[in-house]
Amino acid sequence: SNQSVAVNNQERERDSSYINEESPEAAQEYLDRIEKIYNIPGNEKETIKLASIALRLHKSDLAYFYRAYAKYELEDYQGAITDYTKTIKISPDYRNAYINRGMAKDELEDHRGAITDYTKAIKIDPDYKSSYLNRGISKRKLEDYQGAITDYTKAINIDRNYRNAYFNRGYVKDELEDYQGAISDYTKAIKI
């Protein structure tokens, strides 16, 4: 798939105070460990374990996000959706949680639900190209080809060197029998 997985890029304050086993500080210690491993393939089960411990100590958007990310990587899409939803309940403006929940919905063929999540991510951050790319892919799957082209074009307008957007737009143009347009986009994708 050419969809873009959003990884957490939020900076978190580090609390250097004494670690008490029943406190947000103790939970933060587990989150610090997860941050180092969560996006390395093969660490999904450990990430889920550490995030679950952190959540028992203190409910946080980041712990749910990490656990959801790991569940998605293990193809537990419904479990990922549940945890991304909990992330969003705590932090309603968490762009990456909407993007990743949308991707999990796409995997379960809930393309309309995915489009809703990508649209929320776009409202939070209208200059994030991956939201448009992913929404375009969902629209293509629903055969909304013009809507898909519009989203791919928005992604390209944000980043003129966005290979995946050119490739996906070319694919849709090919489906619409706009062969010259498809060739043009494929050529741009190859040159990038």
C-alpha atoms as a PDB file:
ATOM      1  CA  SER A   1       0.000   0.000   0.000  1.00  0.00           C
ATOM      2  CA  ASN A   2       1.170   3.519  -0.705  1.00  0.00           C
ATOM      3  CA  GLN A   3      -0.520   4.974   2.365  1.00  0.00           C
ATOM      4  CA  SER A   4       1.599   6.867   4.830  1.00  0.00           C
ATOM      5  CA  VAL A   5       1.645   5.776   8.438  1.00  0.00           C
ATOM      6  CA  ALA A   6       1.964   8.722  10.777  1.00  0.00           C
ATOM      7  CA  VAL A   7       4.410   8.197  13.575  1.00  0.00           C
ATOM      8  CA  ASN A   8       4.250  10.139  16.786  1.00  0.00           C
ATOM      9  CA  ASN A   9       6.381  13.252  16.641  1.00  0.00           C
ATOM     10  CA  GLN A  10       5.173  15.023  19.742  1.00  0.00           C
ATOM     11  CA  GLU A  11       7.835  16.033  22.165  1.00  0.00           C
ATOM     12  CA  ARG A  12       7.058  15.052  25.722  1.00  0.00           C
ATOM     13  CA  GLU A  13       8.489  16.650  28.803  1.00  0.00           C
ATOM     14  CA  ARG A  14      10.707  14.342  30.791  1.00  0.00           C
ATOM     15  CA  ASP A  15      10.130  14.284  34.502  1.00  0.00           C
ATOM     16  CA  SER A  16      13.353  13.556  36.324  1.00  0.00           C
ATOM     17  CA  SER A  17      11.690  13.363  39.733  1.00  0.00           C
ATOM     18  CA  TYR A  18      11.572  10.208  41.795  1.00  0.00           C
ATOM     19  CA  ILE A  19       9.687   7.400  40.023  1.00  0.00           C
ATOM     20  CA  ASN A  20       6.774   6.270  42.133  1.00  0.00           C
ATOM     21  CA  GLU A  21       5.132   3.031  40.943  1.00  0.00           C
ATOM     22  CA  GLU A  22       1.606   4.499  41.186  1.00  0.00           C
ATOM     23  CA  SER A  23       1.980   7.790  39.409  1.00  0.00           C
ATOM     24  CA  PRO A  24       2.126   9.526  36.031  1.00  0.00           C
ATOM     25  CA  GLU A  25       5.905   9.631  36.487  1.00  0.00           C
ATOM     26  CA  ALA A  26       6.067   5.842  36.640  1.00  0.00           C
ATOM     27  CA  ALA A  27       3.929   5.626  33.519  1.00  0.00           C
ATOM     28  CA  GLN A  28       6.296   8.068  31.806  1.00  0.00           C
ATOM     29  CA  GLU A  29       9.206   5.721  32.460  1.00  0.00           C
ATOM     30  CA  TYR A  30       7.411   3.034  30.420  1.00  0.00           C
ATOM     31  CA  LEU A  31       6.550   5.537  27.684  1.00  0.00           C
ATOM     32  CA  ASP A  32      10.219   6.534  27.462  1.00  0.00           C
ATOM     33  CA  ARG A  33      11.116   2.866  26.910  1.00  0.00           C
ATOM     34  CA  ILE A  34       8.389   2.466  24.281  1.00  0.00           C
ATOM     35  CA  GLU A  35       9.510   5.567  22.395  1.00  0.00           C
ATOM     36  CA  LYS A  36      12.825   3.877  21.652  1.00  0.00           C
ATOM     37  CA  ILE A  37      11.306   0.658  20.264  1.00  0.00           C
ATOM     38  CA  TYR A  38       7.712   1.075  19.075  1.00  0.00           C
ATOM     39  CA  ASN A  39       8.350   1.672  15.368  1.00  0.00           C
ATOM     40  CA  ILE A  40      10.999  -1.035  14.992  1.00  0.00           C
ATOM     41  CA  PRO A  41       9.502  -4.192  13.429  1.00  0.00           C
ATOM     42  CA  GLY A  42       9.385  -7.094  15.852  1.00  0.00           C
ATOM     43  CA  ASN A  43       8.766  -4.969  18.949  1.00  0.00           C
ATOM     44  CA  GLU A  44       4.974  -4.839  18.678  1.00  0.00           C
ATOM     45  CA  LYS A  45       4.176  -7.282  21.505  1.00  0.00           C
ATOM     46  CA  GLU A  46       6.660  -5.610  23.830  1.00  0.00           C
ATOM     47  CA  THR A  47       5.171  -2.220  22.946  1.00  0.00           C
ATOM     48  CA  ILE A  48       1.663  -3.471  23.764  1.00  0.00           C
ATOM     49  CA  LYS A  49       2.888  -4.921  27.065  1.00  0.00           C
ATOM     50  CA  LEU A  50       4.697  -1.748  28.134  1.00  0.00           C
ATOM     51  CA  ALA A  51       1.840   0.523  27.007  1.00  0.00           C
ATOM     52  CA  SER A  52      -0.672  -1.581  28.941  1.00  0.00           C
ATOM     53  CA  ILE A  53       1.465  -1.258  32.077  1.00  0.00           C
ATOM     54  CA  ALA A  54       1.750   2.502  31.535  1.00  0.00           C
ATOM     55  CA  LEU A  55      -2.030   2.739  31.115  1.00  0.00           C
ATOM     56  CA  ARG A  56      -2.614   0.897  34.405  1.00  0.00           C
ATOM     57  CA  LEU A  57      -0.425   3.530  36.079  1.00  0.00           C
ATOM     58  CA  HIS A  58      -1.841   6.552  34.259  1.00  0.00           C
ATOM     59  CA  LYS A  59      -4.211   6.971  31.303  1.00  0.00           C
ATOM     60  CA  SER A  60      -2.528   8.969  28.537  1.00  0.00           C
ATOM     61  CA  ASP A  61      -3.040   9.690  24.870  1.00  0.00           C
ATOM     62  CA  LEU A  62       0.515   8.623  24.086  1.00  0.00           C
ATOM     63  CA  ALA A  63       0.212   5.204  25.749  1.00  0.00           C
ATOM     64  CA  TYR A  64      -2.990   4.494  23.805  1.00  0.00           C
ATOM     65  CA  PHE A  65      -1.339   5.777  20.611  1.00  0.00           C
ATOM     66  CA  TYR A  66       1.694   3.494  20.982  1.00  0.00           C
ATOM     67  CA  ARG A  67      -0.484   0.480  21.784  1.00  0.00           C
ATOM     68  CA  ALA A  68      -2.753   1.212  18.821  1.00  0.00           C
ATOM     69  CA  TYR A  69       0.252   1.575  16.519  1.00  0.00           C
ATOM     70  CA  ALA A  70       1.552  -1.829  17.600  1.00  0.00           C
ATOM     71  CA  LYS A  71      -1.877  -3.453  17.197  1.00  0.00           C
ATOM     72  CA  TYR A  72      -2.119  -2.051  13.676  1.00  0.00           C
ATOM     73  CA  GLU A  73       1.283  -3.502  12.814  1.00  0.00           C
ATOM     74  CA  LEU A  74       0.063  -6.886  14.111  1.00  0.00           C
ATOM     75  CA  GLU A  75      -3.021  -6.523  11.860  1.00  0.00           C
ATOM     76  CA  ASP A  76      -5.372  -6.189  14.850  1.00  0.00           C
ATOM     77  CA  TYR A  77      -7.177  -3.365  13.101  1.00  0.00           C
ATOM     78  CA  GLN A  78     -10.249  -3.320  15.335  1.00  0.00           C
ATOM     79  CA  GLY A  79      -8.023  -3.202  18.413  1.00  0.00           C
ATOM     80  CA  ALA A  80      -6.053  -0.355  16.853  1.00  0.00           C
ATOM     81  CA  ILE A  81      -9.271   1.558  16.119  1.00  0.00           C
ATOM     82  CA  THR A  82     -10.384   1.129  19.732  1.00  0.00           C
ATOM     83  CA  ASP A  83      -7.088   2.493  21.095  1.00  0.00           C
ATOM     84  CA  TYR A  84      -6.874   5.341  18.567  1.00  0.00           C
ATOM     85  CA  THR A  85     -10.416   6.295  19.598  1.00  0.00           C
ATOM     86  CA  LYS A  86      -9.284   6.411  23.239  1.00  0.00           C
ATOM     87  CA  THR A  87      -6.315   8.546  22.181  1.00  0.00           C
ATOM     88  CA  ILE A  88      -8.668  10.972  20.434  1.00  0.00           C
ATOM     89  CA  LYS A  89     -11.031  11.069  23.427  1.00  0.00           C
ATOM     90  CA  ILE A  90      -8.130  12.333  25.564  1.00  0.00           C
ATOM     91  CA  SER A  91      -6.623  14.576  22.851  1.00  0.00           C
ATOM     92  CA  PRO A  92      -9.236  15.574  20.238  1.00  0.00           C
ATOM     93  CA  ASP A  93      -6.647  17.405  18.098  1.00  0.00           C
ATOM     94  CA  TYR A  94      -4.198  14.492  17.813  1.00  0.00           C
ATOM     95  CA  ARG A  95      -3.734  14.505  14.010  1.00  0.00           C
ATOM     96  CA  ASN A  96      -1.755  11.278  13.756  1.00  0.00           C
ATOM     97  CA  ALA A  97      -4.356   9.343  15.730  1.00  0.00           C
ATOM     98  CA  TYR A  98      -6.999  10.316  13.158  1.00  0.00           C
ATOM     99  CA  ILE A  99      -4.714   9.392  10.252  1.00  0.00           C
ATOM    100  CA  ASN A 100      -3.790   6.027  11.699  1.00  0.00           C
ATOM    101  CA  ARG A 101      -7.357   5.235  12.760  1.00  0.00           C
ATOM    102  CA  GLY A 102      -8.394   6.022   9.195  1.00  0.00           C
ATOM    103  CA  MET A 103      -5.814   3.582   7.885  1.00  0.00           C
ATOM    104  CA  ALA A 104      -7.127   0.858  10.217  1.00  0.00           C
ATOM    105  CA  LYS A 105     -10.673   1.574   8.995  1.00  0.00           C
ATOM    106  CA  ASP A 106      -9.435   1.300   5.402  1.00  0.00           C
ATOM    107  CA  GLU A 107      -7.974  -2.118   6.182  1.00  0.00           C
ATOM    108  CA  LEU A 108     -11.449  -3.189   7.392  1.00  0.00           C
ATOM    109  CA  GLU A 109     -13.014  -1.800   4.171  1.00  0.00           C
ATOM    110  CA  ASP A 110     -14.684   1.087   6.061  1.00  0.00           C
ATOM    111  CA  HIS A 111     -13.568   3.627   3.476  1.00  0.00           C
ATOM    112  CA  ARG A 112     -16.233   6.188   4.371  1.00  0.00           C
ATOM    113  CA  GLY A 113     -15.177   6.057   8.026  1.00  0.00           C
ATOM    114  CA  ALA A 114     -11.556   6.425   6.920  1.00  0.00           C
ATOM    115  CA  ILE A 115     -12.420   9.479   4.818  1.00  0.00           C
ATOM    116  CA  THR A 116     -14.099  11.044   7.859  1.00  0.00           C
ATOM    117  CA  ASP A 117     -10.934  10.530   9.918  1.00  0.00           C
ATOM    118  CA  TYR A 118      -8.620  11.885   7.216  1.00  0.00           C
ATOM    119  CA  THR A 119     -10.894  14.912   6.861  1.00  0.00           C
ATOM    120  CA  LYS A 120     -10.626  15.556  10.619  1.00  0.00           C
ATOM    121  CA  ALA A 121      -6.835  15.306  10.348  1.00  0.00           C
ATOM    122  CA  ILE A 122      -6.902  17.839   7.483  1.00  0.00           C
ATOM    123  CA  LYS A 123      -8.977  20.245   9.590  1.00  0.00           C
ATOM    124  CA  ILE A 124      -6.381  19.974  12.365  1.00  0.00           C
ATOM    125  CA  ASP A 125      -3.402  20.378  10.001  1.00  0.00           C
ATOM    126  CA  PRO A 126      -4.332  21.413   6.441  1.00  0.00           C
ATOM    127  CA  ASP A 127      -0.698  21.331   5.291  1.00  0.00           C
ATOM    128  CA  TYR A 128       0.007  17.661   6.079  1.00  0.00           C
ATOM    129  CA  LYS A 129       0.319  15.913   2.720  1.00  0.00           C
ATOM    130  CA  SER A 130      -0.236  12.331   3.933  1.00  0.00           C
ATOM    131  CA  SER A 131      -3.793  13.124   5.024  1.00  0.00           C
ATOM    132  CA  TYR A 132      -4.696  14.091   1.451  1.00  0.00           C
ATOM    133  CA  LEU A 133      -2.895  11.088  -0.032  1.00  0.00           C
ATOM    134  CA  ASN A 134      -4.666   8.651   2.278  1.00  0.00           C
ATOM    135  CA  ARG A 135      -8.067  10.297   1.768  1.00  0.00           C
ATOM    136  CA  GLY A 136      -7.499  10.132  -1.992  1.00  0.00           C
ATOM    137  CA  ILE A 137      -6.769   6.416  -1.772  1.00  0.00           C
ATOM    138  CA  SER A 138      -9.992   5.857   0.186  1.00  0.00           C
ATOM    139  CA  LYS A 139     -11.965   7.878  -2.356  1.00  0.00           C
ATOM    140  CA  ARG A 140     -10.425   5.832  -5.178  1.00  0.00           C
ATOM    141  CA  LYS A 141     -11.505   2.622  -3.445  1.00  0.00           C
ATOM    142  CA  LEU A 142     -15.059   4.027  -3.431  1.00  0.00           C
ATOM    143  CA  GLU A 143     -14.642   4.906  -7.137  1.00  0.00           C
ATOM    144  CA  ASP A 144     -14.833   8.646  -6.413  1.00  0.00           C
ATOM    145  CA  TYR A 145     -12.116   9.244  -8.973  1.00  0.00           C
ATOM    146  CA  GLN A 146     -12.523  13.013  -9.284  1.00  0.00           C
ATOM    147  CA  GLY A 147     -12.415  13.376  -5.506  1.00  0.00           C
ATOM    148  CA  ALA A 148      -9.282  11.235  -5.428  1.00  0.00           C
ATOM    149  CA  ILE A 149      -7.596  13.357  -8.113  1.00  0.00           C
ATOM    150  CA  THR A 150      -8.467  16.502  -6.156  1.00  0.00           C
ATOM    151  CA  ASP A 151      -6.866  15.098  -2.991  1.00  0.00           C
ATOM    152  CA  TYR A 152      -3.743  13.856  -4.796  1.00  0.00           C
ATOM    153  CA  THR A 153      -3.392  17.280  -6.407  1.00  0.00           C
ATOM    154  CA  LYS A 154      -3.662  18.971  -2.990  1.00  0.00           C
ATOM    155  CA  ALA A 155      -0.911  16.677  -1.685  1.00  0.00           C
ATOM    156  CA  ILE A 156       1.256  17.559  -4.708  1.00  0.00           C
ATOM    157  CA  ASN A 157       0.612  21.272  -4.140  1.00  0.00           C
ATOM    158  CA  ILE A 158       2.008  20.846  -0.611  1.00  0.00           C
ATOM    159  CA  ASP A 159       5.024  18.847  -1.840  1.00  0.00           C
ATOM    160  CA  ARG A 160       5.906  19.030  -5.534  1.00  0.00           C
ATOM    161  CA  ASN A 161       8.183  15.989  -5.095  1.00  0.00           C
ATOM    162  CA  TYR A 162       5.570  13.692  -3.539  1.00  0.00           C
ATOM    163  CA  ARG A 163       6.118  10.538  -5.577  1.00  0.00           C
ATOM    164  CA  ASN A 164       3.212   8.563  -4.078  1.00  0.00           C
ATOM    165  CA  ALA A 165       0.741  11.326  -4.922  1.00  0.00           C
ATOM    166  CA  TYR A 166       1.890  11.469  -8.559  1.00  0.00           C
ATOM    167  CA  PHE A 167       1.777   7.674  -8.809  1.00  0.00           C
ATOM    168  CA  ASN A 168      -1.716   7.429  -7.310  1.00  0.00           C
ATOM    169  CA  ARG A 169      -3.030  10.318  -9.392  1.00  0.00           C
ATOM    170  CA  GLY A 170      -1.607   8.650 -12.505  1.00  0.00           C
ATOM    171  CA  TYR A 171      -3.325   5.413 -11.561  1.00  0.00           C
ATOM    172  CA  VAL A 172      -6.701   7.157 -11.293  1.00  0.00           C
ATOM    173  CA  LYS A 173      -6.167   9.036 -14.556  1.00  0.00           C
ATOM    174  CA  ASP A 174      -5.440   5.670 -16.181  1.00  0.00           C
ATOM    175  CA  GLU A 175      -8.715   4.309 -14.758  1.00  0.00           C
ATOM    176  CA  LEU A 176     -10.500   7.321 -16.302  1.00  0.00           C
ATOM    177  CA  GLU A 177      -8.761   6.633 -19.653  1.00  0.00           C
ATOM    178  CA  ASP A 178      -6.823   9.912 -19.444  1.00  0.00           C
ATOM    179  CA  TYR A 179      -3.755   8.116 -20.729  1.00  0.00           C
ATOM    180  CA  GLN A 180      -1.686  11.245 -21.454  1.00  0.00           C
ATOM    181  CA  GLY A 181      -2.366  12.550 -17.952  1.00  0.00           C
ATOM    182  CA  ALA A 182      -1.489   9.162 -16.489  1.00  0.00           C
ATOM    183  CA  ILE A 183       1.771   8.984 -18.446  1.00  0.00           C
ATOM    184  CA  SER A 184       2.650  12.508 -17.335  1.00  0.00           C
ATOM    185  CA  ASP A 185       2.088  11.671 -13.659  1.00  0.00           C
ATOM    186  CA  TYR A 186       3.883   8.326 -13.876  1.00  0.00           C
ATOM    187  CA  THR A 187       6.814  10.055 -15.570  1.00  0.00           C
ATOM    188  CA  LYS A 188       6.999  12.643 -12.765  1.00  0.00           C
ATOM    189  CA  ALA A 189       6.857   9.875 -10.159  1.00  0.00           C
ATOM    190  CA  ILE A 190       9.728   8.043 -11.856  1.00  0.00           C
ATOM    191  CA  LYS A 191      11.865  11.186 -12.101  1.00  0.00           C
ATOM    192  CA  ILE A 192      11.528  12.017  -8.397  1.00  0.00           C
END
